[in-house]
Amino acid sequence: MEGPLTSDFSAARIHLERAYHYLRGNDEASRSACEVLDQLIETVVEAQHRRPETGVLEFPRSAARQ
């Protein structure tokens, strides 16, 4: 069984921004699609820059400090 797949947020962002660029029309459908793409691009950017959660390691205390 393969491990978990990781997303290429950088590539996804490029494609979403390109789609946004192609929707230049001033019609309601184009404006609505651009609003949705704006939100989606923002979500992808946040995911792209999110730091992975890390655990906290407890170090053993020395006998002198207890």
N, C-alpha and C. Protein backbone atom coordinates (compact mmCIF):
# COMPACT_ATOMS: atom_id res chain seq x y z
N MET A 1 0.84 -1.18 0.00
CA MET A 1 0.00 0.00 0.00
C MET A 1 0.88 1.24 0.00
N GLU A 2 0.50 2.22 -0.81
CA GLU A 2 1.29 3.44 -0.90
C GLU A 2 1.01 4.37 0.26
N GLY A 3 1.96 5.26 0.55
CA GLY A 3 1.79 6.24 1.60
C GLY A 3 0.82 7.33 1.18
N PRO A 4 0.53 8.25 2.07
CA PRO A 4 -0.41 9.32 1.75
C PRO A 4 0.12 10.22 0.63
N LEU A 5 -0.76 10.65 -0.24
CA LEU A 5 -0.37 11.56 -1.31
C LEU A 5 -0.27 12.97 -0.75
N THR A 6 0.66 13.72 -1.29
CA THR A 6 0.77 15.11 -0.88
C THR A 6 0.33 15.99 -2.05
N SER A 7 -0.30 17.08 -1.74
CA SER A 7 -0.80 17.99 -2.76
C SER A 7 0.29 18.95 -3.19
N ASP A 8 0.28 19.31 -4.46
CA ASP A 8 1.19 20.32 -5.00
C ASP A 8 0.42 21.64 -5.04
N PHE A 9 0.39 22.32 -3.90
CA PHE A 9 -0.38 23.55 -3.78
C PHE A 9 0.14 24.64 -4.71
N SER A 10 1.44 24.67 -4.93
CA SER A 10 2.02 25.67 -5.81
C SER A 10 1.48 25.52 -7.23
N ALA A 11 1.47 24.30 -7.75
CA ALA A 11 0.96 24.06 -9.10
C ALA A 11 -0.54 24.34 -9.17
N ALA A 12 -1.28 23.94 -8.14
CA ALA A 12 -2.73 24.19 -8.11
C ALA A 12 -3.01 25.69 -8.15
N ARG A 13 -2.23 26.43 -7.41
CA ARG A 13 -2.42 27.89 -7.38
C ARG A 13 -2.21 28.50 -8.76
N ILE A 14 -1.18 28.05 -9.46
CA ILE A 14 -0.91 28.56 -10.81
C ILE A 14 -2.10 28.31 -11.73
N HIS A 15 -2.65 27.11 -11.69
CA HIS A 15 -3.77 26.77 -12.56
C HIS A 15 -5.03 27.57 -12.19
N LEU A 16 -5.26 27.74 -10.91
CA LEU A 16 -6.43 28.52 -10.47
C LEU A 16 -6.30 29.98 -10.89
N GLU A 17 -5.10 30.54 -10.75
CA GLU A 17 -4.88 31.92 -11.15
C GLU A 17 -5.02 32.07 -12.67
N ARG A 18 -4.60 31.07 -13.41
CA ARG A 18 -4.76 31.10 -14.87
C ARG A 18 -6.25 31.06 -15.23
N ALA A 19 -7.03 30.22 -14.55
CA ALA A 19 -8.47 30.15 -14.81
C ALA A 19 -9.11 31.51 -14.50
N TYR A 20 -8.70 32.13 -13.41
CA TYR A 20 -9.21 33.45 -13.05
C TYR A 20 -8.93 34.45 -14.17
N HIS A 21 -7.72 34.39 -14.72
CA HIS A 21 -7.32 35.29 -15.80
C HIS A 21 -8.20 35.11 -17.04
N TYR A 22 -8.60 33.88 -17.34
CA TYR A 22 -9.41 33.61 -18.53
C TYR A 22 -10.86 34.08 -18.36
N LEU A 23 -11.31 34.27 -17.15
CA LEU A 23 -12.69 34.69 -16.90
C LEU A 23 -12.76 36.22 -16.84
N ARG A 24 -12.49 36.87 -17.95
CA ARG A 24 -12.44 38.32 -18.00
C ARG A 24 -13.79 38.97 -18.25
N GLY A 25 -14.79 38.18 -18.57
CA GLY A 25 -16.09 38.72 -18.93
C GLY A 25 -16.71 39.55 -17.82
N ASN A 26 -17.60 40.45 -18.22
CA ASN A 26 -18.27 41.30 -17.25
C ASN A 26 -19.67 40.78 -16.94
N ASP A 27 -19.93 39.53 -17.32
CA ASP A 27 -21.24 38.93 -17.08
C ASP A 27 -21.30 38.34 -15.67
N GLU A 28 -22.51 38.07 -15.23
CA GLU A 28 -22.72 37.57 -13.87
C GLU A 28 -22.00 36.25 -13.62
N ALA A 29 -22.03 35.34 -14.59
CA ALA A 29 -21.39 34.03 -14.42
C ALA A 29 -19.88 34.18 -14.24
N SER A 30 -19.25 35.06 -15.03
CA SER A 30 -17.80 35.28 -14.90
C SER A 30 -17.46 35.90 -13.56
N ARG A 31 -18.23 36.90 -13.15
CA ARG A 31 -17.97 37.55 -11.85
C ARG A 31 -18.15 36.57 -10.70
N SER A 32 -19.19 35.76 -10.79
CA SER A 32 -19.45 34.77 -9.73
C SER A 32 -18.33 33.73 -9.67
N ALA A 33 -17.91 33.25 -10.84
CA ALA A 33 -16.82 32.27 -10.88
C ALA A 33 -15.53 32.86 -10.32
N CYS A 34 -15.26 34.13 -10.62
CA CYS A 34 -14.04 34.78 -10.10
C CYS A 34 -14.09 34.92 -8.58
N GLU A 35 -15.27 35.20 -8.04
CA GLU A 35 -15.40 35.29 -6.58
C GLU A 35 -15.08 33.95 -5.93
N VAL A 36 -15.60 32.88 -6.52
CA VAL A 36 -15.34 31.54 -5.98
C VAL A 36 -13.87 31.19 -6.13
N LEU A 37 -13.28 31.52 -7.29
CA LEU A 37 -11.86 31.25 -7.50
C LEU A 37 -11.01 32.04 -6.50
N ASP A 38 -11.38 33.28 -6.21
CA ASP A 38 -10.66 34.07 -5.21
C ASP A 38 -10.59 33.33 -3.88
N GLN A 39 -11.74 32.82 -3.45
CA GLN A 39 -11.79 32.10 -2.18
C GLN A 39 -10.96 30.83 -2.24
N LEU A 40 -11.04 30.12 -3.35
CA LEU A 40 -10.29 28.88 -3.50
C LEU A 40 -8.78 29.14 -3.54
N ILE A 41 -8.38 30.18 -4.26
CA ILE A 41 -6.96 30.55 -4.31
C ILE A 41 -6.46 30.89 -2.92
N GLU A 42 -7.25 31.64 -2.15
CA GLU A 42 -6.86 32.00 -0.79
C GLU A 42 -6.68 30.75 0.09
N THR A 43 -7.59 29.79 -0.07
CA THR A 43 -7.50 28.55 0.69
C THR A 43 -6.24 27.77 0.33
N VAL A 44 -5.93 27.72 -0.96
CA VAL A 44 -4.73 27.01 -1.43
C VAL A 44 -3.47 27.70 -0.92
N VAL A 45 -3.45 29.04 -0.95
CA VAL A 45 -2.28 29.78 -0.45
C VAL A 45 -2.08 29.50 1.04
N GLU A 46 -3.16 29.51 1.81
CA GLU A 46 -3.05 29.21 3.24
C GLU A 46 -2.52 27.80 3.47
N ALA A 47 -3.02 26.84 2.71
CA ALA A 47 -2.54 25.47 2.85
C ALA A 47 -1.09 25.34 2.42
N GLN A 48 -0.70 26.09 1.40
CA GLN A 48 0.67 26.05 0.90
C GLN A 48 1.66 26.54 1.95
N HIS A 49 1.25 27.51 2.74
CA HIS A 49 2.17 28.11 3.71
C HIS A 49 1.95 27.64 5.14
N ARG A 50 1.04 26.70 5.31
CA ARG A 50 0.77 26.16 6.65
C ARG A 50 1.95 25.28 7.07
N ARG A 51 2.39 25.47 8.24
CA ARG A 51 3.48 24.63 8.77
C ARG A 51 2.88 23.35 9.33
N PRO A 52 3.56 22.25 9.10
CA PRO A 52 3.06 21.00 9.67
C PRO A 52 3.07 21.06 11.19
N GLU A 53 2.06 20.45 11.79
CA GLU A 53 2.01 20.42 13.24
C GLU A 53 3.13 19.54 13.77
N THR A 54 3.77 20.02 14.80
CA THR A 54 4.85 19.26 15.40
C THR A 54 4.50 18.94 16.84
N GLY A 55 4.98 17.81 17.27
CA GLY A 55 4.76 17.42 18.65
C GLY A 55 5.81 18.03 19.56
N VAL A 56 5.51 18.10 20.82
CA VAL A 56 6.44 18.61 21.80
C VAL A 56 7.07 17.42 22.50
N LEU A 57 8.38 17.43 22.54
CA LEU A 57 9.10 16.34 23.20
C LEU A 57 9.46 16.75 24.62
N GLU A 58 9.18 15.87 25.54
CA GLU A 58 9.56 16.11 26.93
C GLU A 58 10.95 15.54 27.15
N PHE A 59 11.85 16.38 27.66
CA PHE A 59 13.18 15.90 27.98
C PHE A 59 13.20 15.48 29.44
N PRO A 60 13.91 14.41 29.74
CA PRO A 60 13.96 13.97 31.15
C PRO A 60 14.65 15.05 32.00
N ARG A 61 14.12 15.25 33.17
CA ARG A 61 14.71 16.23 34.08
C ARG A 61 15.88 15.59 34.81
N SER A 62 16.90 16.37 35.02
CA SER A 62 18.04 15.83 35.75
C SER A 62 17.71 15.78 37.24
N ALA A 63 18.36 14.91 37.99
CA ALA A 63 18.08 14.76 39.41
C ALA A 63 18.41 16.03 40.18
N ALA A 64 19.39 16.82 39.72
CA ALA A 64 19.78 18.03 40.42
C ALA A 64 18.74 19.13 40.30
N ARG A 65 17.92 19.11 39.25
CA ARG A 65 16.95 20.18 39.02
C ARG A 65 15.57 19.84 39.57
N GLN A 66 15.36 18.68 40.13
CA GLN A 66 14.04 18.30 40.61
C GLN A 66 13.77 18.76 41.98
